[in-house]
Amino acid sequence: MSDPTETLDALGLLCPLPVLKARKRLKSMPEGSVLRVLADDPAAIIDVPHFCIESGHQLLSQDDADGHQIYVIQKTG
């Protein structure tokens, strides 16, 4: 797995902000780069994987840590 290029701290943000901020950050990153997203919004468990499917980005991993989730997304296309 690739090491994250950047980290997006979306802790404390509610739906749809974690996904909107991830989309904006990924737009400015080169193809193939990896974004780690930290989120504690319960809806992110559904929203982030759905965003990756819809946008064509690859969800490399999804983990829980200390009351929040960590998503690792690789930019494609």
PDB file of N, CA and C in Angstrom:
ATOM      1  N   MET A   1       0.843  -1.185   0.000  1.00  0.00           N
ATOM      2  CA  MET A   1       0.000   0.000   0.000  1.00  0.00           C
ATOM      3  C   MET A   1       0.885   1.244   0.000  1.00  0.00           C
ATOM      4  N   SER A   2       0.414   2.258  -0.674  1.00  0.00           N
ATOM      5  CA  SER A   2       1.146   3.519  -0.764  1.00  0.00           C
ATOM      6  C   SER A   2       1.032   4.289   0.543  1.00  0.00           C
ATOM      7  N   ASP A   3       2.077   5.037   0.863  1.00  0.00           N
ATOM      8  CA  ASP A   3       2.027   5.908   2.031  1.00  0.00           C
ATOM      9  C   ASP A   3       1.188   7.137   1.692  1.00  0.00           C
ATOM     10  N   PRO A   4       0.397   7.617   2.652  1.00  0.00           N
ATOM     11  CA  PRO A   4      -0.411   8.809   2.382  1.00  0.00           C
ATOM     12  C   PRO A   4       0.452  10.014   2.010  1.00  0.00           C
ATOM     13  N   THR A   5       0.030  10.730   0.980  1.00  0.00           N
ATOM     14  CA  THR A   5       0.698  11.946   0.545  1.00  0.00           C
ATOM     15  C   THR A   5       0.286  13.098   1.454  1.00  0.00           C
ATOM     16  N   GLU A   6      -0.996  13.135   1.811  1.00  0.00           N
ATOM     17  CA  GLU A   6      -1.547  14.210   2.644  1.00  0.00           C
ATOM     18  C   GLU A   6      -2.554  13.626   3.624  1.00  0.00           C
ATOM     19  N   THR A   7      -2.818  14.365   4.693  1.00  0.00           N
ATOM     20  CA  THR A   7      -3.839  13.979   5.669  1.00  0.00           C
ATOM     21  C   THR A   7      -4.872  15.092   5.762  1.00  0.00           C
ATOM     22  N   LEU A   8      -6.142  14.691   5.737  1.00  0.00           N
ATOM     23  CA  LEU A   8      -7.255  15.623   5.911  1.00  0.00           C
ATOM     24  C   LEU A   8      -7.891  15.331   7.261  1.00  0.00           C
ATOM     25  N   ASP A   9      -7.827  16.282   8.172  1.00  0.00           N
ATOM     26  CA  ASP A   9      -8.436  16.138   9.495  1.00  0.00           C
ATOM     27  C   ASP A   9      -9.864  16.660   9.423  1.00  0.00           C
ATOM     28  N   ALA A  10     -10.831  15.736   9.339  1.00  0.00           N
ATOM     29  CA  ALA A  10     -12.246  16.107   9.281  1.00  0.00           C
ATOM     30  C   ALA A  10     -12.944  15.772  10.598  1.00  0.00           C
ATOM     31  N   LEU A  11     -12.175  15.649  11.674  1.00  0.00           N
ATOM     32  CA  LEU A  11     -12.748  15.342  12.981  1.00  0.00           C
ATOM     33  C   LEU A  11     -13.639  16.491  13.427  1.00  0.00           C
ATOM     34  N   GLY A  12     -14.817  16.160  13.930  1.00  0.00           N
ATOM     35  CA  GLY A  12     -15.756  17.171  14.393  1.00  0.00           C
ATOM     36  C   GLY A  12     -16.670  17.707  13.310  1.00  0.00           C
ATOM     37  N   LEU A  13     -16.440  17.317  12.063  1.00  0.00           N
ATOM     38  CA  LEU A  13     -17.286  17.776  10.961  1.00  0.00           C
ATOM     39  C   LEU A  13     -18.393  16.767  10.697  1.00  0.00           C
ATOM     40  N   LEU A  14     -19.583  17.265  10.422  1.00  0.00           N
ATOM     41  CA  LEU A  14     -20.723  16.400  10.169  1.00  0.00           C
ATOM     42  C   LEU A  14     -21.009  16.319   8.675  1.00  0.00           C
ATOM     43  N   CYS A  15     -21.717  15.267   8.292  1.00  0.00           N
ATOM     44  CA  CYS A  15     -22.119  15.018   6.913  1.00  0.00           C
ATOM     45  C   CYS A  15     -22.761  16.276   6.337  1.00  0.00           C
ATOM     46  N   PRO A  16     -22.420  16.672   5.152  1.00  0.00           N
ATOM     47  CA  PRO A  16     -21.543  16.019   4.167  1.00  0.00           C
ATOM     48  C   PRO A  16     -20.125  16.584   4.141  1.00  0.00           C
ATOM     49  N   LEU A  17     -19.727  17.347   5.144  1.00  0.00           N
ATOM     50  CA  LEU A  17     -18.443  18.050   5.094  1.00  0.00           C
ATOM     51  C   LEU A  17     -17.217  17.154   4.933  1.00  0.00           C
ATOM     52  N   PRO A  18     -17.103  16.001   5.619  1.00  0.00           N
ATOM     53  CA  PRO A  18     -15.901  15.180   5.390  1.00  0.00           C
ATOM     54  C   PRO A  18     -15.718  14.791   3.920  1.00  0.00           C
ATOM     55  N   VAL A  19     -16.804  14.403   3.257  1.00  0.00           N
ATOM     56  CA  VAL A  19     -16.708  14.012   1.845  1.00  0.00           C
ATOM     57  C   VAL A  19     -16.438  15.230   0.965  1.00  0.00           C
ATOM     58  N   LEU A  20     -17.099  16.348   1.236  1.00  0.00           N
ATOM     59  CA  LEU A  20     -16.873  17.544   0.426  1.00  0.00           C
ATOM     60  C   LEU A  20     -15.430  18.024   0.530  1.00  0.00           C
ATOM     61  N   LYS A  21     -14.887  17.997   1.733  1.00  0.00           N
ATOM     62  CA  LYS A  21     -13.499  18.423   1.916  1.00  0.00           C
ATOM     63  C   LYS A  21     -12.529  17.429   1.274  1.00  0.00           C
ATOM     64  N   ALA A  22     -12.841  16.130   1.346  1.00  0.00           N
ATOM     65  CA  ALA A  22     -11.998  15.120   0.689  1.00  0.00           C
ATOM     66  C   ALA A  22     -12.016  15.319  -0.822  1.00  0.00           C
ATOM     67  N   ARG A  23     -13.196  15.564  -1.387  1.00  0.00           N
ATOM     68  CA  ARG A  23     -13.311  15.797  -2.829  1.00  0.00           C
ATOM     69  C   ARG A  23     -12.460  17.004  -3.249  1.00  0.00           C
ATOM     70  N   LYS A  24     -12.565  18.095  -2.496  1.00  0.00           N
ATOM     71  CA  LYS A  24     -11.817  19.311  -2.825  1.00  0.00           C
ATOM     72  C   LYS A  24     -10.310  19.058  -2.738  1.00  0.00           C
ATOM     73  N   ARG A  25      -9.870  18.370  -1.693  1.00  0.00           N
ATOM     74  CA  ARG A  25      -8.438  18.104  -1.514  1.00  0.00           C
ATOM     75  C   ARG A  25      -7.917  17.197  -2.628  1.00  0.00           C
ATOM     76  N   LEU A  26      -8.688  16.153  -2.976  1.00  0.00           N
ATOM     77  CA  LEU A  26      -8.256  15.223  -4.022  1.00  0.00           C
ATOM     78  C   LEU A  26      -8.143  15.916  -5.381  1.00  0.00           C
ATOM     79  N   LYS A  27      -9.006  16.888  -5.644  1.00  0.00           N
ATOM     80  CA  LYS A  27      -8.948  17.608  -6.923  1.00  0.00           C
ATOM     81  C   LYS A  27      -7.602  18.289  -7.119  1.00  0.00           C
ATOM     82  N   SER A  28      -7.006  18.762  -6.044  1.00  0.00           N
ATOM     83  CA  SER A  28      -5.744  19.494  -6.146  1.00  0.00           C
ATOM     84  C   SER A  28      -4.518  18.579  -6.093  1.00  0.00           C
ATOM     85  N   MET A  29      -4.731  17.279  -5.907  1.00  0.00           N
ATOM     86  CA  MET A  29      -3.621  16.335  -5.789  1.00  0.00           C
ATOM     87  C   MET A  29      -3.378  15.641  -7.131  1.00  0.00           C
ATOM     88  N   PRO A  30      -2.127  15.267  -7.421  1.00  0.00           N
ATOM     89  CA  PRO A  30      -1.848  14.559  -8.669  1.00  0.00           C
ATOM     90  C   PRO A  30      -2.399  13.125  -8.643  1.00  0.00           C
ATOM     91  N   GLU A  31      -2.691  12.597  -9.822  1.00  0.00           N
ATOM     92  CA  GLU A  31      -3.196  11.230  -9.924  1.00  0.00           C
ATOM     93  C   GLU A  31      -2.198  10.259  -9.297  1.00  0.00           C
ATOM     94  N   GLY A  32      -2.723   9.278  -8.570  1.00  0.00           N
ATOM     95  CA  GLY A  32      -1.885   8.283  -7.918  1.00  0.00           C
ATOM     96  C   GLY A  32      -1.508   8.647  -6.493  1.00  0.00           C
ATOM     97  N   SER A  33      -1.734   9.905  -6.099  1.00  0.00           N
ATOM     98  CA  SER A  33      -1.404  10.304  -4.734  1.00  0.00           C
ATOM     99  C   SER A  33      -2.438   9.733  -3.768  1.00  0.00           C
ATOM    100  N   VAL A  34      -2.070   9.698  -2.503  1.00  0.00           N
ATOM    101  CA  VAL A  34      -2.884   9.040  -1.485  1.00  0.00           C
ATOM    102  C   VAL A  34      -3.253  10.039  -0.391  1.00  0.00           C
ATOM    103  N   LEU A  35      -4.549  10.087  -0.071  1.00  0.00           N
ATOM    104  CA  LEU A  35      -5.072  10.977   0.964  1.00  0.00           C
ATOM    105  C   LEU A  35      -5.585  10.157   2.134  1.00  0.00           C
ATOM    106  N   ARG A  36      -5.122  10.497   3.341  1.00  0.00           N
ATOM    107  CA  ARG A  36      -5.657   9.887   4.560  1.00  0.00           C
ATOM    108  C   ARG A  36      -6.671  10.858   5.136  1.00  0.00           C
ATOM    109  N   VAL A  37      -7.876  10.354   5.386  1.00  0.00           N
ATOM    110  CA  VAL A  37      -8.957  11.186   5.928  1.00  0.00           C
ATOM    111  C   VAL A  37      -9.293  10.684   7.329  1.00  0.00           C
ATOM    112  N   LEU A  38      -9.298  11.592   8.302  1.00  0.00           N
ATOM    113  CA  LEU A  38      -9.704  11.294   9.670  1.00  0.00           C
ATOM    114  C   LEU A  38     -11.106  11.855   9.864  1.00  0.00           C
ATOM    115  N   ALA A  39     -12.039  11.026  10.294  1.00  0.00           N
ATOM    116  CA  ALA A  39     -13.420  11.480  10.472  1.00  0.00           C
ATOM    117  C   ALA A  39     -14.054  10.775  11.660  1.00  0.00           C
ATOM    118  N   ASP A  40     -14.943  11.497  12.360  1.00  0.00           N
ATOM    119  CA  ASP A  40     -15.682  10.893  13.460  1.00  0.00           C
ATOM    120  C   ASP A  40     -17.190  11.006  13.272  1.00  0.00           C
ATOM    121  N   ASP A  41     -17.612  11.449  12.105  1.00  0.00           N
ATOM    122  CA  ASP A  41     -19.029  11.511  11.778  1.00  0.00           C
ATOM    123  C   ASP A  41     -19.530  10.081  11.512  1.00  0.00           C
ATOM    124  N   PRO A  42     -20.571   9.617  12.235  1.00  0.00           N
ATOM    125  CA  PRO A  42     -21.062   8.251  12.016  1.00  0.00           C
ATOM    126  C   PRO A  42     -21.468   7.978  10.569  1.00  0.00           C
ATOM    127  N   ALA A  43     -21.915   8.986   9.843  1.00  0.00           N
ATOM    128  CA  ALA A  43     -22.331   8.796   8.451  1.00  0.00           C
ATOM    129  C   ALA A  43     -21.142   8.583   7.519  1.00  0.00           C
ATOM    130  N   ALA A  44     -19.944   8.948   7.944  1.00  0.00           N
ATOM    131  CA  ALA A  44     -18.762   8.802   7.089  1.00  0.00           C
ATOM    132  C   ALA A  44     -18.508   7.339   6.731  1.00  0.00           C
ATOM    133  N   ILE A  45     -18.919   6.428   7.598  1.00  0.00           N
ATOM    134  CA  ILE A  45     -18.724   4.994   7.341  1.00  0.00           C
ATOM    135  C   ILE A  45     -19.425   4.585   6.051  1.00  0.00           C
ATOM    136  N   ILE A  46     -20.528   5.233   5.744  1.00  0.00           N
ATOM    137  CA  ILE A  46     -21.266   4.978   4.505  1.00  0.00           C
ATOM    138  C   ILE A  46     -20.832   5.959   3.419  1.00  0.00           C
ATOM    139  N   ASP A  47     -20.694   7.228   3.778  1.00  0.00           N
ATOM    140  CA  ASP A  47     -20.447   8.285   2.798  1.00  0.00           C
ATOM    141  C   ASP A  47     -19.098   8.187   2.092  1.00  0.00           C
ATOM    142  N   VAL A  48     -18.028   7.906   2.824  1.00  0.00           N
ATOM    143  CA  VAL A  48     -16.692   7.897   2.208  1.00  0.00           C
ATOM    144  C   VAL A  48     -16.552   6.753   1.202  1.00  0.00           C
ATOM    145  N   PRO A  49     -16.903   5.507   1.555  1.00  0.00           N
ATOM    146  CA  PRO A  49     -16.817   4.455   0.537  1.00  0.00           C
ATOM    147  C   PRO A  49     -17.712   4.729  -0.677  1.00  0.00           C
ATOM    148  N   HIS A  50     -18.906   5.272  -0.452  1.00  0.00           N
ATOM    149  CA  HIS A  50     -19.802   5.597  -1.555  1.00  0.00           C
ATOM    150  C   HIS A  50     -19.185   6.680  -2.442  1.00  0.00           C
ATOM    151  N   PHE A  51     -18.585   7.696  -1.834  1.00  0.00           N
ATOM    152  CA  PHE A  51     -17.905   8.736  -2.589  1.00  0.00           C
ATOM    153  C   PHE A  51     -16.810   8.141  -3.476  1.00  0.00           C
ATOM    154  N   CYS A  52     -16.035   7.212  -2.931  1.00  0.00           N
ATOM    155  CA  CYS A  52     -14.947   6.602  -3.709  1.00  0.00           C
ATOM    156  C   CYS A  52     -15.492   5.831  -4.909  1.00  0.00           C
ATOM    157  N   ILE A  53     -16.564   5.087  -4.693  1.00  0.00           N
ATOM    158  CA  ILE A  53     -17.174   4.331  -5.798  1.00  0.00           C
ATOM    159  C   ILE A  53     -17.690   5.285  -6.865  1.00  0.00           C
ATOM    160  N   GLU A  54     -18.408   6.317  -6.451  1.00  0.00           N
ATOM    161  CA  GLU A  54     -19.011   7.261  -7.393  1.00  0.00           C
ATOM    162  C   GLU A  54     -17.974   8.085  -8.154  1.00  0.00           C
ATOM    163  N   SER A  55     -16.881   8.436  -7.504  1.00  0.00           N
ATOM    164  CA  SER A  55     -15.878   9.307  -8.127  1.00  0.00           C
ATOM    165  C   SER A  55     -14.787   8.522  -8.837  1.00  0.00           C
ATOM    166  N   GLY A  56     -14.719   7.214  -8.591  1.00  0.00           N
ATOM    167  CA  GLY A  56     -13.708   6.385  -9.237  1.00  0.00           C
ATOM    168  C   GLY A  56     -12.392   6.302  -8.491  1.00  0.00           C
ATOM    169  N   HIS A  57     -12.304   6.912  -7.319  1.00  0.00           N
ATOM    170  CA  HIS A  57     -11.083   6.808  -6.520  1.00  0.00           C
ATOM    171  C   HIS A  57     -11.068   5.455  -5.810  1.00  0.00           C
ATOM    172  N   GLN A  58      -9.878   5.000  -5.432  1.00  0.00           N
ATOM    173  CA  GLN A  58      -9.751   3.696  -4.793  1.00  0.00           C
ATOM    174  C   GLN A  58      -9.627   3.853  -3.283  1.00  0.00           C
ATOM    175  N   LEU A  59     -10.536   3.204  -2.558  1.00  0.00           N
ATOM    176  CA  LEU A  59     -10.458   3.184  -1.093  1.00  0.00           C
ATOM    177  C   LEU A  59      -9.491   2.078  -0.713  1.00  0.00           C
ATOM    178  N   LEU A  60      -8.288   2.452  -0.290  1.00  0.00           N
ATOM    179  CA  LEU A  60      -7.251   1.471   0.019  1.00  0.00           C
ATOM    180  C   LEU A  60      -7.465   0.809   1.369  1.00  0.00           C
ATOM    181  N   SER A  61      -7.972   1.574   2.337  1.00  0.00           N
ATOM    182  CA  SER A  61      -8.241   0.990   3.651  1.00  0.00           C
ATOM    183  C   SER A  61      -9.227   1.848   4.421  1.00  0.00           C
ATOM    184  N   GLN A  62      -9.855   1.195   5.402  1.00  0.00           N
ATOM    185  CA  GLN A  62     -10.827   1.848   6.290  1.00  0.00           C
ATOM    186  C   GLN A  62     -10.637   1.210   7.655  1.00  0.00           C
ATOM    187  N   ASP A  63     -10.210   1.999   8.628  1.00  0.00           N
ATOM    188  CA  ASP A  63      -9.913   1.478   9.961  1.00  0.00           C
ATOM    189  C   ASP A  63     -10.531   2.362  11.031  1.00  0.00           C
ATOM    190  N   ASP A  64     -10.673   1.792  12.235  1.00  0.00           N
ATOM    191  CA  ASP A  64     -11.129   2.536  13.410  1.00  0.00           C
ATOM    192  C   ASP A  64      -9.945   2.759  14.339  1.00  0.00           C
ATOM    193  N   ALA A  65      -9.897   3.944  14.961  1.00  0.00           N
ATOM    194  CA  ALA A  65      -8.830   4.251  15.899  1.00  0.00           C
ATOM    195  C   ALA A  65      -9.287   5.336  16.871  1.00  0.00           C
ATOM    196  N   ASP A  66      -9.311   5.015  18.151  1.00  0.00           N
ATOM    197  CA  ASP A  66      -9.573   6.005  19.204  1.00  0.00           C
ATOM    198  C   ASP A  66     -10.814   6.858  18.956  1.00  0.00           C
ATOM    199  N   GLY A  67     -11.933   6.236  18.618  1.00  0.00           N
ATOM    200  CA  GLY A  67     -13.184   6.963  18.468  1.00  0.00           C
ATOM    201  C   GLY A  67     -13.379   7.651  17.139  1.00  0.00           C
ATOM    202  N   HIS A  68     -12.517   7.393  16.181  1.00  0.00           N
ATOM    203  CA  HIS A  68     -12.712   7.955  14.845  1.00  0.00           C
ATOM    204  C   HIS A  68     -12.308   6.929  13.791  1.00  0.00           C
ATOM    205  N   GLN A  69     -12.602   7.247  12.542  1.00  0.00           N
ATOM    206  CA  GLN A  69     -12.250   6.369  11.444  1.00  0.00           C
ATOM    207  C   GLN A  69     -11.097   6.983  10.646  1.00  0.00           C
ATOM    208  N   ILE A  70     -10.333   6.106  10.018  1.00  0.00           N
ATOM    209  CA  ILE A  70      -9.239   6.516   9.139  1.00  0.00           C
ATOM    210  C   ILE A  70      -9.496   5.879   7.775  1.00  0.00           C
ATOM    211  N   TYR A  71      -9.617   6.713   6.765  1.00  0.00           N
ATOM    212  CA  TYR A  71      -9.825   6.256   5.393  1.00  0.00           C
ATOM    213  C   TYR A  71      -8.586   6.617   4.592  1.00  0.00           C
ATOM    214  N   VAL A  72      -8.102   5.681   3.799  1.00  0.00           N
ATOM    215  CA  VAL A  72      -6.954   5.941   2.938  1.00  0.00           C
ATOM    216  C   VAL A  72      -7.442   5.788   1.503  1.00  0.00           C
ATOM    217  N   ILE A  73      -7.382   6.899   0.743  1.00  0.00           N
ATOM    218  CA  ILE A  73      -7.948   6.970  -0.598  1.00  0.00           C
ATOM    219  C   ILE A  73      -6.850   7.305  -1.593  1.00  0.00           C
ATOM    220  N   GLN A  74      -6.791   6.526  -2.677  1.00  0.00           N
ATOM    221  CA  GLN A  74      -5.850   6.826  -3.752  1.00  0.00           C
ATOM    222  C   GLN A  74      -6.600   7.497  -4.890  1.00  0.00           C
ATOM    223  N   LYS A  75      -6.076   8.618  -5.344  1.00  0.00           N
ATOM    224  CA  LYS A  75      -6.703   9.355  -6.431  1.00  0.00           C
ATOM    225  C   LYS A  75      -6.464   8.630  -7.757  1.00  0.00           C
ATOM    226  N   THR A  76      -7.538   8.402  -8.487  1.00  0.00           N
ATOM    227  CA  THR A  76      -7.450   7.824  -9.821  1.00  0.00           C
ATOM    228  C   THR A  76      -8.193   8.713 -10.782  1.00  0.00           C
ATOM    229  N   GLY A  77      -7.778   8.649 -12.023  1.00  0.00           N
ATOM    230  CA  GLY A  77      -8.448   9.409 -13.077  1.00  0.00           C
ATOM    231  C   GLY A  77      -8.281  10.840 -12.884  1.00  0.00           C
TER     232      GLY A  77
END
